[in-house]
PDB file of all heavy atoms in Angstrom:
ATOM      1  N   TYR A   1      52.641 -11.361 -13.711  1.00  0.00           N
ATOM      2  CA  TYR A   1      52.621 -12.771 -13.301  1.00  0.00           C
ATOM      3  C   TYR A   1      53.456 -12.989 -12.043  1.00  0.00           C
ATOM      4  O   TYR A   1      54.591 -12.519 -11.945  1.00  0.00           O
ATOM      5  CB  TYR A   1      53.160 -13.633 -14.440  1.00  0.00           C
ATOM      6  CG  TYR A   1      53.411 -15.073 -14.096  1.00  0.00           C
ATOM      7  CD1 TYR A   1      52.395 -15.886 -13.576  1.00  0.00           C
ATOM      8  CD2 TYR A   1      54.664 -15.644 -14.287  1.00  0.00           C
ATOM      9  CE1 TYR A   1      52.624 -17.217 -13.258  1.00  0.00           C
ATOM     10  CE2 TYR A   1      54.902 -16.981 -13.985  1.00  0.00           C
ATOM     11  CZ  TYR A   1      53.884 -17.755 -13.456  1.00  0.00           C
ATOM     12  OH  TYR A   1      54.118 -19.077 -13.152  1.00  0.00           O
ATOM     13  N   SER A   2      52.868 -13.691 -11.095  1.00  0.00           N
ATOM     14  CA  SER A   2      53.577 -14.060  -9.870  1.00  0.00           C
ATOM     15  C   SER A   2      53.933 -15.544  -9.912  1.00  0.00           C
ATOM     16  O   SER A   2      53.059 -16.387  -9.696  1.00  0.00           O
ATOM     17  CB  SER A   2      52.717 -13.784  -8.638  1.00  0.00           C
ATOM     18  OG  SER A   2      53.307 -14.364  -7.485  1.00  0.00           O
ATOM     19  N   PRO A   3      55.197 -15.902 -10.185  1.00  0.00           N
ATOM     20  CA  PRO A   3      55.579 -17.314 -10.148  1.00  0.00           C
ATOM     21  C   PRO A   3      55.428 -17.918  -8.749  1.00  0.00           C
ATOM     22  O   PRO A   3      55.037 -19.072  -8.604  1.00  0.00           O
ATOM     23  CB  PRO A   3      57.046 -17.304 -10.585  1.00  0.00           C
ATOM     24  CG  PRO A   3      57.245 -16.000 -11.295  1.00  0.00           C
ATOM     25  CD  PRO A   3      56.321 -15.041 -10.616  1.00  0.00           C
ATOM     26  N   ALA A   4      55.720 -17.122  -7.727  1.00  0.00           N
ATOM     27  CA  ALA A   4      55.676 -17.634  -6.357  1.00  0.00           C
ATOM     28  C   ALA A   4      54.261 -18.003  -5.932  1.00  0.00           C
ATOM     29  O   ALA A   4      54.041 -19.015  -5.254  1.00  0.00           O
ATOM     30  CB  ALA A   4      56.264 -16.610  -5.391  1.00  0.00           C
ATOM     31  N   ASP A   5      53.283 -17.200  -6.334  1.00  0.00           N
ATOM     32  CA  ASP A   5      51.904 -17.435  -5.916  1.00  0.00           C
ATOM     33  C   ASP A   5      51.027 -17.968  -7.043  1.00  0.00           C
ATOM     34  O   ASP A   5      49.832 -18.199  -6.847  1.00  0.00           O
ATOM     35  CB  ASP A   5      51.307 -16.151  -5.342  1.00  0.00           C
ATOM     36  CG  ASP A   5      51.967 -15.754  -4.029  1.00  0.00           C
ATOM     37  OD1 ASP A   5      51.956 -16.569  -3.092  1.00  0.00           O
ATOM     38  OD2 ASP A   5      52.514 -14.639  -3.953  1.00  0.00           O
ATOM     39  N   ASN A   6      51.615 -18.155  -8.217  1.00  0.00           N
ATOM     40  CA  ASN A   6      50.964 -18.834  -9.336  1.00  0.00           C
ATOM     41  C   ASN A   6      49.650 -18.180  -9.760  1.00  0.00           C
ATOM     42  O   ASN A   6      48.604 -18.801  -9.835  1.00  0.00           O
ATOM     43  CB  ASN A   6      50.719 -20.311  -8.992  1.00  0.00           C
ATOM     44  CG  ASN A   6      50.465 -21.162 -10.233  1.00  0.00           C
ATOM     45  OD1 ASN A   6      50.978 -20.863 -11.311  1.00  0.00           O
ATOM     46  ND2 ASN A   6      49.684 -22.206 -10.072  1.00  0.00           N
ATOM     47  N   PHE A   7      49.738 -16.873 -10.039  1.00  0.00           N
ATOM     48  CA  PHE A   7      48.586 -16.174 -10.602  1.00  0.00           C
ATOM     49  C   PHE A   7      49.076 -15.133 -11.591  1.00  0.00           C
ATOM     50  O   PHE A   7      50.257 -14.745 -11.586  1.00  0.00           O
ATOM     51  CB  PHE A   7      47.731 -15.510  -9.517  1.00  0.00           C
ATOM     52  CG  PHE A   7      48.374 -14.319  -8.852  1.00  0.00           C
ATOM     53  CD1 PHE A   7      48.353 -13.057  -9.439  1.00  0.00           C
ATOM     54  CD2 PHE A   7      49.012 -14.458  -7.625  1.00  0.00           C
ATOM     55  CE1 PHE A   7      48.947 -11.968  -8.841  1.00  0.00           C
ATOM     56  CE2 PHE A   7      49.610 -13.368  -7.011  1.00  0.00           C
ATOM     57  CZ  PHE A   7      49.583 -12.121  -7.626  1.00  0.00           C
ATOM     58  N   ILE A   8      48.170 -14.666 -12.431  1.00  0.00           N
ATOM     59  CA  ILE A   8      48.489 -13.598 -13.368  1.00  0.00           C
ATOM     60  C   ILE A   8      47.355 -12.583 -13.371  1.00  0.00           C
ATOM     61  O   ILE A   8      46.175 -12.945 -13.373  1.00  0.00           O
ATOM     62  CB  ILE A   8      48.753 -14.154 -14.783  1.00  0.00           C
ATOM     63  CG1 ILE A   8      49.220 -13.038 -15.739  1.00  0.00           C
ATOM     64  CG2 ILE A   8      47.534 -14.872 -15.346  1.00  0.00           C
ATOM     65  CD1 ILE A   8      49.775 -13.560 -17.054  1.00  0.00           C
ATOM     66  N   ILE A   9      47.740 -11.307 -13.307  1.00  0.00           N
ATOM     67  CA  ILE A   9      46.779 -10.221 -13.529  1.00  0.00           C
ATOM     68  C   ILE A   9      46.775  -9.989 -15.039  1.00  0.00           C
ATOM     69  O   ILE A   9      47.727  -9.461 -15.598  1.00  0.00           O
ATOM     70  CB  ILE A   9      47.184  -8.938 -12.777  1.00  0.00           C
ATOM     71  CG1 ILE A   9      47.361  -9.226 -11.269  1.00  0.00           C
ATOM     72  CG2 ILE A   9      46.143  -7.849 -13.006  1.00  0.00           C
ATOM     73  CD1 ILE A   9      46.103  -9.646 -10.552  1.00  0.00           C
ATOM     74  N   GLY A  10      45.695 -10.424 -15.686  1.00  0.00           N
ATOM     75  CA  GLY A  10      45.715 -10.567 -17.132  1.00  0.00           C
ATOM     76  C   GLY A  10      45.119  -9.434 -17.927  1.00  0.00           C
ATOM     77  O   GLY A  10      45.150  -9.477 -19.167  1.00  0.00           O
ATOM     78  N   GLY A  11      44.563  -8.411 -17.267  1.00  0.00           N
ATOM     79  CA  GLY A  11      43.940  -7.346 -18.039  1.00  0.00           C
ATOM     80  C   GLY A  11      42.871  -7.886 -18.973  1.00  0.00           C
ATOM     81  O   GLY A  11      42.115  -8.799 -18.611  1.00  0.00           O
ATOM     82  N   ASP A  12      42.846  -7.363 -20.193  1.00  0.00           N
ATOM     83  CA  ASP A  12      41.800  -7.748 -21.138  1.00  0.00           C
ATOM     84  C   ASP A  12      42.321  -8.683 -22.231  1.00  0.00           C
ATOM     85  O   ASP A  12      41.921  -8.589 -23.391  1.00  0.00           O
ATOM     86  CB  ASP A  12      41.170  -6.505 -21.773  1.00  0.00           C
ATOM     87  CG  ASP A  12      40.286  -5.756 -20.804  1.00  0.00           C
ATOM     88  OD1 ASP A  12      40.179  -6.187 -19.645  1.00  0.00           O
ATOM     89  OD2 ASP A  12      39.702  -4.727 -21.208  1.00  0.00           O
ATOM     90  N   VAL A  13      43.208  -9.584 -21.861  1.00  0.00           N
ATOM     91  CA  VAL A  13      43.742 -10.556 -22.821  1.00  0.00           C
ATOM     92  C   VAL A  13      42.893 -11.820 -22.830  1.00  0.00           C
ATOM     93  O   VAL A  13      42.344 -12.213 -23.864  1.00  0.00           O
ATOM     94  CB  VAL A  13      45.216 -10.885 -22.499  1.00  0.00           C
ATOM     95  CG1 VAL A  13      45.737 -11.995 -23.412  1.00  0.00           C
ATOM     96  CG2 VAL A  13      46.085  -9.642 -22.643  1.00  0.00           C
ATOM     97  N   LEU A  14      42.774 -12.439 -21.670  1.00  0.00           N
ATOM     98  CA  LEU A  14      42.084 -13.725 -21.547  1.00  0.00           C
ATOM     99  C   LEU A  14      41.025 -13.631 -20.455  1.00  0.00           C
ATOM    100  O   LEU A  14      41.312 -13.206 -19.340  1.00  0.00           O
ATOM    101  CB  LEU A  14      43.107 -14.817 -21.195  1.00  0.00           C
ATOM    102  CG  LEU A  14      42.591 -16.247 -21.044  1.00  0.00           C
ATOM    103  CD1 LEU A  14      42.060 -16.785 -22.371  1.00  0.00           C
ATOM    104  CD2 LEU A  14      43.711 -17.150 -20.523  1.00  0.00           C
ATOM    105  N   PHE A  15      39.803 -14.034 -20.815  1.00  0.00           N
ATOM    106  CA  PHE A  15      38.695 -14.043 -19.864  1.00  0.00           C
ATOM    107  C   PHE A  15      38.182 -15.467 -19.662  1.00  0.00           C
ATOM    108  O   PHE A  15      38.573 -16.394 -20.373  1.00  0.00           O
ATOM    109  CB  PHE A  15      37.529 -13.197 -20.396  1.00  0.00           C
ATOM    110  CG  PHE A  15      37.857 -11.752 -20.623  1.00  0.00           C
ATOM    111  CD1 PHE A  15      37.591 -11.155 -21.843  1.00  0.00           C
ATOM    112  CD2 PHE A  15      38.421 -10.969 -19.625  1.00  0.00           C
ATOM    113  CE1 PHE A  15      37.868  -9.826 -22.070  1.00  0.00           C
ATOM    114  CE2 PHE A  15      38.697  -9.639 -19.837  1.00  0.00           C
ATOM    115  CZ  PHE A  15      38.424  -9.059 -21.062  1.00  0.00           C
ATOM    116  N   TYR A  16      37.276 -15.611 -18.704  1.00  0.00           N
ATOM    117  CA  TYR A  16      36.581 -16.879 -18.529  1.00  0.00           C
ATOM    118  C   TYR A  16      35.796 -17.196 -19.803  1.00  0.00           C
ATOM    119  O   TYR A  16      34.847 -16.495 -20.151  1.00  0.00           O
ATOM    120  CB  TYR A  16      35.643 -16.786 -17.326  1.00  0.00           C
ATOM    121  CG  TYR A  16      34.779 -18.012 -17.111  1.00  0.00           C
ATOM    122  CD1 TYR A  16      35.282 -19.132 -16.459  1.00  0.00           C
ATOM    123  CD2 TYR A  16      33.465 -18.053 -17.566  1.00  0.00           C
ATOM    124  CE1 TYR A  16      34.499 -20.254 -16.261  1.00  0.00           C
ATOM    125  CE2 TYR A  16      32.666 -19.164 -17.374  1.00  0.00           C
ATOM    126  CZ  TYR A  16      33.205 -20.267 -16.720  1.00  0.00           C
ATOM    127  OH  TYR A  16      32.423 -21.376 -16.534  1.00  0.00           O
ATOM    128  N   ARG A  17      36.264 -18.193 -20.523  1.00  0.00           N
ATOM    129  CA  ARG A  17      35.632 -18.681 -21.760  1.00  0.00           C
ATOM    130  C   ARG A  17      35.558 -17.617 -22.849  1.00  0.00           C
ATOM    131  O   ARG A  17      34.711 -17.698 -23.735  1.00  0.00           O
ATOM    132  CB  ARG A  17      34.231 -19.252 -21.500  1.00  0.00           C
ATOM    133  CG  ARG A  17      34.155 -20.306 -20.405  1.00  0.00           C
ATOM    134  CD  ARG A  17      34.947 -21.559 -20.742  1.00  0.00           C
ATOM    135  NE  ARG A  17      34.692 -22.592 -19.752  1.00  0.00           N
ATOM    136  CZ  ARG A  17      35.470 -22.802 -18.689  1.00  0.00           C
ATOM    137  NH1 ARG A  17      36.531 -22.048 -18.482  1.00  0.00           N
ATOM    138  NH2 ARG A  17      35.185 -23.766 -17.834  1.00  0.00           N
ATOM    139  N   SER A  18      36.436 -16.641 -22.801  1.00  0.00           N
ATOM    140  CA  SER A  18      36.414 -15.614 -23.826  1.00  0.00           C
ATOM    141  C   SER A  18      37.795 -14.976 -23.930  1.00  0.00           C
ATOM    142  O   SER A  18      38.731 -15.346 -23.212  1.00  0.00           O
ATOM    143  CB  SER A  18      35.345 -14.553 -23.505  1.00  0.00           C
ATOM    144  OG  SER A  18      35.180 -13.662 -24.589  1.00  0.00           O
ATOM    145  N   ILE A  19      37.910 -13.999 -24.834  1.00  0.00           N
ATOM    146  CA  ILE A  19      39.151 -13.256 -25.025  1.00  0.00           C
ATOM    147  C   ILE A  19      38.809 -11.776 -25.167  1.00  0.00           C
ATOM    148  O   ILE A  19      37.655 -11.398 -25.326  1.00  0.00           O
ATOM    149  CB  ILE A  19      39.915 -13.734 -26.282  1.00  0.00           C
ATOM    150  CG1 ILE A  19      39.051 -13.551 -27.539  1.00  0.00           C
ATOM    151  CG2 ILE A  19      40.360 -15.188 -26.123  1.00  0.00           C
ATOM    152  CD1 ILE A  19      39.777 -13.850 -28.844  1.00  0.00           C
ATOM    153  N   GLY A  20      39.835 -10.941 -25.119  1.00  0.00           N
ATOM    154  CA  GLY A  20      39.620  -9.516 -25.261  1.00  0.00           C
ATOM    155  C   GLY A  20      39.138  -9.144 -26.655  1.00  0.00           C
ATOM    156  O   GLY A  20      39.465  -9.820 -27.638  1.00  0.00           O
ATOM    157  N   ARG A  21      38.381  -8.082 -26.758  1.00  0.00           N
ATOM    158  CA  ARG A  21      37.910  -7.616 -28.062  1.00  0.00           C
ATOM    159  C   ARG A  21      39.090  -7.023 -28.834  1.00  0.00           C
ATOM    160  O   ARG A  21      40.058  -6.524 -28.250  1.00  0.00           O
ATOM    161  CB  ARG A  21      36.793  -6.586 -27.905  1.00  0.00           C
ATOM    162  CG  ARG A  21      37.177  -5.351 -27.123  1.00  0.00           C
ATOM    163  CD  ARG A  21      35.981  -4.449 -26.838  1.00  0.00           C
ATOM    164  NE  ARG A  21      35.414  -3.895 -28.065  1.00  0.00           N
ATOM    165  CZ  ARG A  21      34.394  -3.043 -28.077  1.00  0.00           C
ATOM    166  NH1 ARG A  21      33.836  -2.661 -26.939  1.00  0.00           N
ATOM    167  NH2 ARG A  21      33.937  -2.568 -29.217  1.00  0.00           N
ATOM    168  N   THR A  22      38.993  -7.063 -30.150  1.00  0.00           N
ATOM    169  CA  THR A  22      40.100  -6.569 -30.975  1.00  0.00           C
ATOM    170  C   THR A  22      39.629  -5.554 -32.018  1.00  0.00           C
ATOM    171  O   THR A  22      40.356  -5.241 -32.958  1.00  0.00           O
ATOM    172  CB  THR A  22      40.812  -7.735 -31.695  1.00  0.00           C
ATOM    173  OG1 THR A  22      39.853  -8.490 -32.457  1.00  0.00           O
ATOM    174  CG2 THR A  22      41.484  -8.655 -30.689  1.00  0.00           C
ATOM    175  N   ASP A  23      38.420  -5.029 -31.839  1.00  0.00           N
ATOM    176  CA  ASP A  23      37.869  -4.092 -32.815  1.00  0.00           C
ATOM    177  C   ASP A  23      38.116  -2.633 -32.445  1.00  0.00           C
ATOM    178  O   ASP A  23      37.655  -1.733 -33.150  1.00  0.00           O
ATOM    179  CB  ASP A  23      36.373  -4.337 -32.999  1.00  0.00           C
ATOM    180  CG  ASP A  23      35.589  -4.179 -31.698  1.00  0.00           C
ATOM    181  OD1 ASP A  23      36.191  -4.337 -30.613  1.00  0.00           O
ATOM    182  OD2 ASP A  23      34.372  -3.925 -31.767  1.00  0.00           O
ATOM    183  N   LEU A  24      38.854  -2.385 -31.373  1.00  0.00           N
ATOM    184  CA  LEU A  24      39.206  -1.022 -30.997  1.00  0.00           C
ATOM    185  C   LEU A  24      40.526  -0.632 -31.658  1.00  0.00           C
ATOM    186  O   LEU A  24      41.299  -1.512 -32.064  1.00  0.00           O
ATOM    187  CB  LEU A  24      39.333  -0.920 -29.468  1.00  0.00           C
ATOM    188  CG  LEU A  24      38.069  -1.256 -28.678  1.00  0.00           C
ATOM    189  CD1 LEU A  24      38.376  -1.272 -27.184  1.00  0.00           C
ATOM    190  CD2 LEU A  24      36.948  -0.275 -28.992  1.00  0.00           C
ATOM    191  N   PRO A  25      40.815   0.666 -31.804  1.00  0.00           N
ATOM    192  CA  PRO A  25      42.078   1.087 -32.415  1.00  0.00           C
ATOM    193  C   PRO A  25      43.285   0.443 -31.740  1.00  0.00           C
ATOM    194  O   PRO A  25      43.382   0.425 -30.511  1.00  0.00           O
ATOM    195  CB  PRO A  25      42.076   2.604 -32.219  1.00  0.00           C
ATOM    196  CG  PRO A  25      40.626   2.966 -32.176  1.00  0.00           C
ATOM    197  CD  PRO A  25      39.948   1.824 -31.479  1.00  0.00           C
ATOM    198  N   GLY A  26      44.171  -0.113 -32.540  1.00  0.00           N
ATOM    199  CA  GLY A  26      45.346  -0.788 -32.000  1.00  0.00           C
ATOM    200  C   GLY A  26      45.142  -2.262 -31.727  1.00  0.00           C
ATOM    201  O   GLY A  26      46.078  -2.966 -31.358  1.00  0.00           O
ATOM    202  N   GLY A  27      43.908  -2.748 -31.908  1.00  0.00           N
ATOM    203  CA  GLY A  27      43.632  -4.163 -31.690  1.00  0.00           C
ATOM    204  C   GLY A  27      43.984  -5.001 -32.909  1.00  0.00           C
ATOM    205  O   GLY A  27      43.951  -4.527 -34.043  1.00  0.00           O
ATOM    206  N   ASN A  28      44.337  -6.249 -32.655  1.00  0.00           N
ATOM    207  CA  ASN A  28      44.695  -7.166 -33.739  1.00  0.00           C
ATOM    208  C   ASN A  28      44.365  -8.584 -33.286  1.00  0.00           C
ATOM    209  O   ASN A  28      44.981  -9.098 -32.349  1.00  0.00           O
ATOM    210  CB  ASN A  28      46.182  -7.034 -34.082  1.00  0.00           C
ATOM    211  CG  ASN A  28      46.598  -7.905 -35.242  1.00  0.00           C
ATOM    212  OD1 ASN A  28      46.526  -9.136 -35.185  1.00  0.00           O
ATOM    213  ND2 ASN A  28      47.061  -7.267 -36.323  1.00  0.00           N
ATOM    214  N   TYR A  29      43.395  -9.198 -33.939  1.00  0.00           N
ATOM    215  CA  TYR A  29      42.892 -10.502 -33.487  1.00  0.00           C
ATOM    216  C   TYR A  29      43.988 -11.565 -33.483  1.00  0.00           C
ATOM    217  O   TYR A  29      44.168 -12.276 -32.480  1.00  0.00           O
ATOM    218  CB  TYR A  29      41.729 -10.942 -34.372  1.00  0.00           C
ATOM    219  CG  TYR A  29      41.171 -12.302 -34.002  1.00  0.00           C
ATOM    220  CD1 TYR A  29      40.274 -12.445 -32.950  1.00  0.00           C
ATOM    221  CD2 TYR A  29      41.554 -13.444 -34.694  1.00  0.00           C
ATOM    222  CE1 TYR A  29      39.768 -13.687 -32.594  1.00  0.00           C
ATOM    223  CE2 TYR A  29      41.049 -14.698 -34.358  1.00  0.00           C
ATOM    224  CZ  TYR A  29      40.159 -14.809 -33.311  1.00  0.00           C
ATOM    225  OH  TYR A  29      39.665 -16.041 -32.977  1.00  0.00           O
ATOM    226  N   GLN A  30      44.693 -11.707 -34.581  1.00  0.00           N
ATOM    227  CA  GLN A  30      45.707 -12.768 -34.644  1.00  0.00           C
ATOM    228  C   GLN A  30      46.827 -12.528 -33.652  1.00  0.00           C
ATOM    229  O   GLN A  30      47.367 -13.466 -33.055  1.00  0.00           O
ATOM    230  CB  GLN A  30      46.266 -12.899 -36.059  1.00  0.00           C
ATOM    231  CG  GLN A  30      47.094 -14.170 -36.267  1.00  0.00           C
ATOM    232  CD  GLN A  30      46.341 -15.438 -35.911  1.00  0.00           C
ATOM    233  OE1 GLN A  30      45.237 -15.682 -36.410  1.00  0.00           O
ATOM    234  NE2 GLN A  30      46.900 -16.255 -35.020  1.00  0.00           N
ATOM    235  N   GLN A  31      47.175 -11.278 -33.464  1.00  0.00           N
ATOM    236  CA  GLN A  31      48.199 -10.944 -32.472  1.00  0.00           C
ATOM    237  C   GLN A  31      47.745 -11.342 -31.067  1.00  0.00           C
ATOM    238  O   GLN A  31      48.541 -11.854 -30.266  1.00  0.00           O
ATOM    239  CB  GLN A  31      48.508  -9.452 -32.544  1.00  0.00           C
ATOM    240  CG  GLN A  31      49.720  -9.013 -31.732  1.00  0.00           C
ATOM    241  CD  GLN A  31      49.997  -7.536 -31.876  1.00  0.00           C
ATOM    242  OE1 GLN A  31      49.076  -6.712 -31.832  1.00  0.00           O
ATOM    243  NE2 GLN A  31      51.251  -7.163 -32.054  1.00  0.00           N
ATOM    244  N   LEU A  32      46.473 -11.113 -30.770  1.00  0.00           N
ATOM    245  CA  LEU A  32      45.946 -11.495 -29.457  1.00  0.00           C
ATOM    246  C   LEU A  32      45.986 -13.008 -29.270  1.00  0.00           C
ATOM    247  O   LEU A  32      46.419 -13.501 -28.219  1.00  0.00           O
ATOM    248  CB  LEU A  32      44.517 -10.985 -29.298  1.00  0.00           C
ATOM    249  CG  LEU A  32      43.817 -11.350 -27.990  1.00  0.00           C
ATOM    250  CD1 LEU A  32      44.531 -10.734 -26.794  1.00  0.00           C
ATOM    251  CD2 LEU A  32      42.354 -10.927 -28.018  1.00  0.00           C
ATOM    252  N   ILE A  33      45.540 -13.747 -30.265  1.00  0.00           N
ATOM    253  CA  ILE A  33      45.585 -15.213 -30.181  1.00  0.00           C
ATOM    254  C   ILE A  33      47.020 -15.692 -29.975  1.00  0.00           C
ATOM    255  O   ILE A  33      47.297 -16.573 -29.141  1.00  0.00           O
ATOM    256  CB  ILE A  33      44.976 -15.845 -31.446  1.00  0.00           C
ATOM    257  CG1 ILE A  33      43.486 -15.496 -31.567  1.00  0.00           C
ATOM    258  CG2 ILE A  33      45.175 -17.362 -31.437  1.00  0.00           C
ATOM    259  CD1 ILE A  33      42.622 -16.004 -30.447  1.00  0.00           C
ATOM    260  N   ASN A  34      47.955 -15.108 -30.716  1.00  0.00           N
ATOM    261  CA  ASN A  34      49.360 -15.493 -30.561  1.00  0.00           C
ATOM    262  C   ASN A  34      49.875 -15.180 -29.159  1.00  0.00           C
ATOM    263  O   ASN A  34      50.621 -15.974 -28.567  1.00  0.00           O
ATOM    264  CB  ASN A  34      50.227 -14.768 -31.602  1.00  0.00           C
ATOM    265  CG  ASN A  34      49.966 -15.229 -33.022  1.00  0.00           C
ATOM    266  OD1 ASN A  34      49.363 -16.283 -33.237  1.00  0.00           O
ATOM    267  ND2 ASN A  34      50.397 -14.451 -34.002  1.00  0.00           N
ATOM    268  N   SER A  35      49.490 -14.023 -28.623  1.00  0.00           N
ATOM    269  CA  SER A  35      49.932 -13.653 -27.270  1.00  0.00           C
ATOM    270  C   SER A  35      49.454 -14.680 -26.247  1.00  0.00           C
ATOM    271  O   SER A  35      50.205 -15.080 -25.348  1.00  0.00           O
ATOM    272  CB  SER A  35      49.399 -12.261 -26.896  1.00  0.00           C
ATOM    273  OG  SER A  35      50.020 -11.249 -27.653  1.00  0.00           O
ATOM    274  N   ILE A  36      48.204 -15.100 -26.391  1.00  0.00           N
ATOM    275  CA  ILE A  36      47.655 -16.076 -25.446  1.00  0.00           C
ATOM    276  C   ILE A  36      48.347 -17.423 -25.586  1.00  0.00           C
ATOM    277  O   ILE A  36      48.805 -18.022 -24.598  1.00  0.00           O
ATOM    278  CB  ILE A  36      46.135 -16.219 -25.656  1.00  0.00           C
ATOM    279  CG1 ILE A  36      45.411 -14.915 -25.321  1.00  0.00           C
ATOM    280  CG2 ILE A  36      45.583 -17.363 -24.798  1.00  0.00           C
ATOM    281  CD1 ILE A  36      43.958 -14.893 -25.723  1.00  0.00           C
ATOM    282  N   GLN A  37      48.445 -17.901 -26.813  1.00  0.00           N
ATOM    283  CA  GLN A  37      48.984 -19.246 -27.031  1.00  0.00           C
ATOM    284  C   GLN A  37      50.482 -19.324 -26.774  1.00  0.00           C
ATOM    285  O   GLN A  37      50.974 -20.332 -26.253  1.00  0.00           O
ATOM    286  CB  GLN A  37      48.646 -19.708 -28.442  1.00  0.00           C
ATOM    287  CG  GLN A  37      47.147 -19.926 -28.653  1.00  0.00           C
ATOM    288  CD  GLN A  37      46.807 -20.391 -30.056  1.00  0.00           C
ATOM    289  OE1 GLN A  37      47.540 -20.134 -31.008  1.00  0.00           O
ATOM    290  NE2 GLN A  37      45.675 -21.073 -30.194  1.00  0.00           N
ATOM    291  N   GLU A  38      51.209 -18.269 -27.126  1.00  0.00           N
ATOM    292  CA  GLU A  38      52.672 -18.323 -27.030  1.00  0.00           C
ATOM    293  C   GLU A  38      53.205 -17.828 -25.691  1.00  0.00           C
ATOM    294  O   GLU A  38      54.351 -18.143 -25.339  1.00  0.00           O
ATOM    295  CB  GLU A  38      53.288 -17.491 -28.155  1.00  0.00           C
ATOM    296  CG  GLU A  38      52.971 -18.042 -29.547  1.00  0.00           C
ATOM    297  CD  GLU A  38      53.416 -17.107 -30.664  1.00  0.00           C
ATOM    298  OE1 GLU A  38      54.108 -16.096 -30.352  1.00  0.00           O
ATOM    299  OE2 GLU A  38      53.079 -17.382 -31.831  1.00  0.00           O
ATOM    300  N   ARG A  39      52.393 -17.083 -24.943  1.00  0.00           N
ATOM    301  CA  ARG A  39      52.888 -16.536 -23.685  1.00  0.00           C
ATOM    302  C   ARG A  39      52.066 -17.016 -22.487  1.00  0.00           C
ATOM    303  O   ARG A  39      52.599 -17.654 -21.583  1.00  0.00           O
ATOM    304  CB  ARG A  39      52.921 -15.004 -23.766  1.00  0.00           C
ATOM    305  CG  ARG A  39      53.902 -14.516 -24.837  1.00  0.00           C
ATOM    306  CD  ARG A  39      54.086 -13.016 -24.821  1.00  0.00           C
ATOM    307  NE  ARG A  39      55.123 -12.620 -25.766  1.00  0.00           N
ATOM    308  CZ  ARG A  39      54.899 -12.123 -26.971  1.00  0.00           C
ATOM    309  NH1 ARG A  39      53.653 -11.922 -27.369  1.00  0.00           N
ATOM    310  NH2 ARG A  39      55.886 -11.792 -27.771  1.00  0.00           N
ATOM    311  N   LEU A  40      50.759 -16.750 -22.491  1.00  0.00           N
ATOM    312  CA  LEU A  40      49.969 -17.144 -21.326  1.00  0.00           C
ATOM    313  C   LEU A  40      49.841 -18.659 -21.214  1.00  0.00           C
ATOM    314  O   LEU A  40      49.878 -19.203 -20.105  1.00  0.00           O
ATOM    315  CB  LEU A  40      48.589 -16.483 -21.371  1.00  0.00           C
ATOM    316  CG  LEU A  40      48.491 -15.106 -20.691  1.00  0.00           C
ATOM    317  CD1 LEU A  40      49.388 -14.083 -21.389  1.00  0.00           C
ATOM    318  CD2 LEU A  40      47.065 -14.617 -20.625  1.00  0.00           C
ATOM    319  N   PHE A  41      49.686 -19.342 -22.335  1.00  0.00           N
ATOM    320  CA  PHE A  41      49.509 -20.790 -22.280  1.00  0.00           C
ATOM    321  C   PHE A  41      50.803 -21.531 -21.962  1.00  0.00           C
ATOM    322  O   PHE A  41      50.783 -22.755 -21.831  1.00  0.00           O
ATOM    323  CB  PHE A  41      48.887 -21.301 -23.571  1.00  0.00           C
ATOM    324  CG  PHE A  41      47.382 -21.149 -23.619  1.00  0.00           C
ATOM    325  CD1 PHE A  41      46.688 -20.515 -22.608  1.00  0.00           C
ATOM    326  CD2 PHE A  41      46.654 -21.665 -24.691  1.00  0.00           C
ATOM    327  CE1 PHE A  41      45.309 -20.366 -22.637  1.00  0.00           C
ATOM    328  CE2 PHE A  41      45.269 -21.534 -24.732  1.00  0.00           C
ATOM    329  CZ  PHE A  41      44.590 -20.881 -23.715  1.00  0.00           C
ATOM    330  N   LYS A  42      51.909 -20.814 -21.809  1.00  0.00           N
ATOM    331  CA  LYS A  42      53.151 -21.418 -21.325  1.00  0.00           C
ATOM    332  C   LYS A  42      53.181 -21.501 -19.802  1.00  0.00           C
ATOM    333  O   LYS A  42      54.033 -22.180 -19.234  1.00  0.00           O
ATOM    334  CB  LYS A  42      54.350 -20.610 -21.816  1.00  0.00           C
ATOM    335  CG  LYS A  42      54.471 -20.488 -23.315  1.00  0.00           C
ATOM    336  CD  LYS A  42      54.704 -21.819 -24.003  1.00  0.00           C
ATOM    337  CE  LYS A  42      54.937 -21.609 -25.506  1.00  0.00           C
ATOM    338  NZ  LYS A  42      55.064 -22.895 -26.229  1.00  0.00           N
ATOM    339  N   LEU A  43      52.259 -20.811 -19.154  1.00  0.00           N
ATOM    340  CA  LEU A  43      52.191 -20.830 -17.695  1.00  0.00           C
ATOM    341  C   LEU A  43      51.576 -22.140 -17.217  1.00  0.00           C
ATOM    342  O   LEU A  43      50.938 -22.865 -17.988  1.00  0.00           O
ATOM    343  CB  LEU A  43      51.360 -19.643 -17.200  1.00  0.00           C
ATOM    344  CG  LEU A  43      51.851 -18.254 -17.629  1.00  0.00           C
ATOM    345  CD1 LEU A  43      50.885 -17.181 -17.152  1.00  0.00           C
ATOM    346  CD2 LEU A  43      53.254 -17.988 -17.115  1.00  0.00           C
ATOM    347  N   PRO A  44      51.752 -22.484 -15.931  1.00  0.00           N
ATOM    348  CA  PRO A  44      51.181 -23.740 -15.418  1.00  0.00           C
ATOM    349  C   PRO A  44      49.664 -23.787 -15.589  1.00  0.00           C
ATOM    350  O   PRO A  44      48.980 -22.760 -15.507  1.00  0.00           O
ATOM    351  CB  PRO A  44      51.564 -23.710 -13.930  1.00  0.00           C
ATOM    352  CG  PRO A  44      52.764 -22.817 -13.852  1.00  0.00           C
ATOM    353  CD  PRO A  44      52.560 -21.773 -14.902  1.00  0.00           C
TER     354      PRO A  44
END
């Protein structure tokens, strides 16, 4: 995340109208939702 330029390189967490898949090894749906809501959604 760049606070100065107000962007985030988000990888496969949050997409346009979608979210990353969680059916691969190490994936966890609720954990992903929490990451988005508690961390990314705190951004402007």
